Structures are given as C-alpha cells and as structure tokens.
C-alpha atoms as a PDB file:
ATOM      1  CA  MET A   1     -16.077 -19.917  -2.529  1.00  0.00           C
ATOM      2  CA  LEU A   2     -13.112 -17.912  -2.089  1.00  0.00           C
ATOM      3  CA  ALA A   3      -9.879 -20.149  -2.834  1.00  0.00           C
ATOM      4  CA  PHE A   4      -6.510 -19.334  -1.972  1.00  0.00           C
ATOM      5  CA  HIS A   5      -3.179 -20.129  -2.434  1.00  0.00           C
ATOM      6  CA  PRO A   6      -1.990 -20.698   2.150  1.00  0.00           C
ATOM      7  CA  GLN A   7       1.798 -19.521   0.928  1.00  0.00           C
ATOM      8  CA  MET A   8      -0.582 -16.207  -0.703  1.00  0.00           C
ATOM      9  CA  PHE A   9       1.511 -12.695   0.623  1.00  0.00           C
ATOM     10  CA  VAL A  10       0.639  -9.776  -0.824  1.00  0.00           C
ATOM     11  CA  ARG A  11       1.960  -5.987  -0.249  1.00  0.00           C
ATOM     12  CA  VAL A  12       0.132  -3.166   0.529  1.00  0.00           C
ATOM     13  CA  GLU A  13      -0.431   0.061  -1.924  1.00  0.00           C
ATOM     14  CA  GLN A  14      -3.230   1.948  -0.013  1.00  0.00           C
ATOM     15  CA  LEU A  15      -5.606   3.677  -2.426  1.00  0.00           C
ATOM     16  CA  GLU A  16      -6.342   7.318  -1.899  1.00  0.00           C
ATOM     17  CA  GLY A  17      -9.125   9.636  -1.896  1.00  0.00           C
ATOM     18  CA  PRO A  18     -12.296  10.321  -0.679  1.00  0.00           C
ATOM     19  CA  ARG A  19     -13.544   7.700  -2.377  1.00  0.00           C
ATOM     20  CA  ALA A  20     -10.533   4.691  -1.226  1.00  0.00           C
ATOM     21  CA  PRO A  21     -12.287   1.699   0.959  1.00  0.00           C
ATOM     22  CA  VAL A  22     -12.196   1.597   4.743  1.00  0.00           C
ATOM     23  CA  PRO A  23     -10.699   0.970   6.581  1.00  0.00           C
ATOM     24  CA  ARG A  24      -6.934   2.480   5.347  1.00  0.00           C
ATOM     25  CA  PRO A  25      -4.924  -0.579   5.655  1.00  0.00           C
ATOM     26  CA  LEU A  26      -1.191   1.734   6.830  1.00  0.00           C
ATOM     27  CA  ASP A  27      -3.139   4.202   9.117  1.00  0.00           C
ATOM     28  CA  SER A  28      -4.070   1.178  10.725  1.00  0.00           C
ATOM     29  CA  GLY A  29      -0.393  -0.455  11.994  1.00  0.00           C
ATOM     30  CA  PHE A  30       0.471  -2.074   8.150  1.00  0.00           C
ATOM     31  CA  SER A  31       3.820  -0.871   7.008  1.00  0.00           C
ATOM     32  CA  THR A  32       4.762  -0.232   2.761  1.00  0.00           C
ATOM     33  CA  ASP A  33       8.153  -2.385   3.603  1.00  0.00           C
ATOM     34  CA  ARG A  34       6.678  -5.273   4.380  1.00  0.00           C
ATOM     35  CA  LEU A  35       5.170  -8.501   3.084  1.00  0.00           C
ATOM     36  CA  TYR A  36       1.965 -10.156   4.616  1.00  0.00           C
ATOM     37  CA  ARG A  37       0.258 -14.078   4.330  1.00  0.00           C
ATOM     38  CA  VAL A  38      -3.487 -14.032   3.840  1.00  0.00           C
ATOM     39  CA  LEU A  39      -5.355 -15.971   6.405  1.00  0.00           C
ATOM     40  CA  GLY A  40      -8.418 -15.699   4.735  1.00  0.00           C
ATOM     41  CA  ILE A  41     -10.337 -14.275   2.126  1.00  0.00           C
ATOM     42  CA  TYR A  42     -14.429 -12.892   2.833  1.00  0.00           C
ATOM     43  CA  ASN A  43     -16.435 -11.515   0.170  1.00  0.00           C
ATOM     44  CA  PRO A  44     -19.676  -9.536   1.627  1.00  0.00           C
ATOM     45  CA  SER A  45     -22.558 -10.763  -1.426  1.00  0.00           C
ATOM     46  CA  GLU A  46     -23.715  -7.340  -0.961  1.00  0.00           C
ATOM     47  CA  THR A  47     -20.337  -5.696  -2.213  1.00  0.00           C
ATOM     48  CA  SER A  48     -17.765  -7.046  -5.458  1.00  0.00           C
ATOM     49  CA  ASP A  49     -14.939  -6.432  -3.643  1.00  0.00           C
ATOM     50  CA  ALA A  50     -13.110  -9.446  -1.679  1.00  0.00           C
ATOM     51  CA  TYR A  51     -11.625  -8.705   1.426  1.00  0.00           C
ATOM     52  CA  PHE A  52      -8.114 -10.046   2.832  1.00  0.00           C
ATOM     53  CA  ILE A  53      -7.469 -10.928   6.295  1.00  0.00           C
ATOM     54  CA  LEU A  54      -4.297 -10.327   7.171  1.00  0.00           C
ATOM     55  CA  PRO A  55      -2.188 -10.200  10.813  1.00  0.00           C
ATOM     56  CA  ASN A  56      -0.384  -6.324  11.168  1.00  0.00           C
ATOM     57  CA  ASP A  57       2.413  -5.932  13.068  1.00  0.00           C
ATOM     58  CA  ARG A  58       0.770  -5.152  15.767  1.00  0.00           C
ATOM     59  CA  GLY A  59      -0.400  -9.062  15.622  1.00  0.00           C
ATOM     60  CA  GLU A  60      -4.352  -7.843  14.851  1.00  0.00           C
ATOM     61  CA  LEU A  61      -6.252  -9.344  12.575  1.00  0.00           C
ATOM     62  CA  TRP A  62      -8.397  -6.460   9.951  1.00  0.00           C
ATOM     63  CA  PHE A  63      -9.984  -7.101   6.844  1.00  0.00           C
ATOM     64  CA  ILE A  64      -7.980  -4.900   4.548  1.00  0.00           C
ATOM     65  CA  CYS A  65     -10.205  -4.288   0.717  1.00  0.00           C
ATOM     66  CA  GLN A  66      -8.596  -6.314  -2.497  1.00  0.00           C
ATOM     67  CA  ARG A  67      -8.126  -2.372  -3.976  1.00  0.00           C
ATOM     68  CA  HIS A  68      -5.034  -1.426  -1.308  1.00  0.00           C
ATOM     69  CA  LEU A  69      -4.167  -4.510  -2.220  1.00  0.00           C
ATOM     70  CA  ARG A  70      -1.006  -5.927  -4.555  1.00  0.00           C
ATOM     71  CA  PHE A  71       0.237  -9.733  -5.295  1.00  0.00           C
ATOM     72  CA  ALA A  72       4.052 -10.587  -4.198  1.00  0.00           C
ATOM     73  CA  GLY A  73       4.451 -14.001  -4.629  1.00  0.00           C
ATOM     74  CA  LEU A  74       4.030 -17.653  -2.767  1.00  0.00           C
ATOM     75  CA  HIS A  75       6.550 -17.987  -0.842  1.00  0.00           C
ATOM     76  CA  ASP A  76       7.426 -21.252   1.343  1.00  0.00           C
ATOM     77  CA  THR A  77       7.643 -19.979   5.503  1.00  0.00           C
ATOM     78  CA  ALA A  78       5.574 -20.573   8.549  1.00  0.00           C
ATOM     79  CA  ALA A  79       6.897 -16.431   8.447  1.00  0.00           C
ATOM     80  CA  HIS A  80       3.558 -14.055   8.467  1.00  0.00           C
ATOM     81  CA  HIS A  81       5.752 -11.188   7.507  1.00  0.00           C
ATOM     82  CA  LEU A  82       8.524 -10.630   5.116  1.00  0.00           C
ATOM     83  CA  PRO A  83      11.151  -7.939   4.020  1.00  0.00           C
ATOM     84  CA  ALA A  84       9.584  -6.238   0.784  1.00  0.00           C
ATOM     85  CA  LEU A  85      13.022  -6.982  -1.080  1.00  0.00           C
ATOM     86  CA  GLU A  86      12.815  -6.851  -4.774  1.00  0.00           C
ATOM     87  CA  GLU A  87      13.208 -10.181  -4.716  1.00  0.00           C
ATOM     88  CA  VAL A  88      12.659 -13.000  -1.371  1.00  0.00           C
ATOM     89  CA  THR A  89      14.991 -15.983  -0.638  1.00  0.00           C
ATOM     90  CA  GLY A  90      12.456 -19.274  -0.739  1.00  0.00           C
ATOM     91  CA  SER A  91       9.431 -18.609  -3.666  1.00  0.00           C
ATOM     92  CA  ALA A  92       7.347 -21.393  -4.043  1.00  0.00           C
ATOM     93  CA  ALA A  93       7.541 -19.813  -7.413  1.00  0.00           C
ATOM     94  CA  ASP A  94      11.458 -19.948  -8.307  1.00  0.00           C
END
C-alpha cells in the first residue's frame, strides 16, 4: 500500500533519452509552468517505479512515472492545478 498526502503537488521535469519512461508527460497534456495535484499513486509489482495519477491540462487522468516528477509542496487548496511559481500562497508548510 502506498500512502500520500492529499494536498501534495508535483511539477513535471521530464526525463529525455531512449530509456525515459513512457508516457512522456510533456507530450501528454502536461506543462512545466504548472503544479499538479496528486490524486493517487500506483506501484505495479513488476517494477520499482511508482506511477502518480495526475489530471493534465485537458482534464484527462494519466499515470505518470515518478522519474518525471519533482515534489512541489503541500498546498491547502481545492484546485487541481497551480501556477509553478517560486512560492505559491496557501502552502500548508508555511
């Protein structure tokens, strides 16, 4: 079982190269100028990777490998997307 904080947001930092995990988020409706709320996490038994369930900019849900993502903070908001600013107001860590 994987647990996560319901206010966790991540930012996309897509890995490149022939061994980069797919799907590649920047080719799948995500952008580098937004933060994305984590809706769930899945870890298939056949891999050591975890896949984060994220809503993209088109309202689709995607399973994105953790190697493409970076922690962006805990934010107390009902929004599923936030602007990727240096500091986002309303952070639970403040």
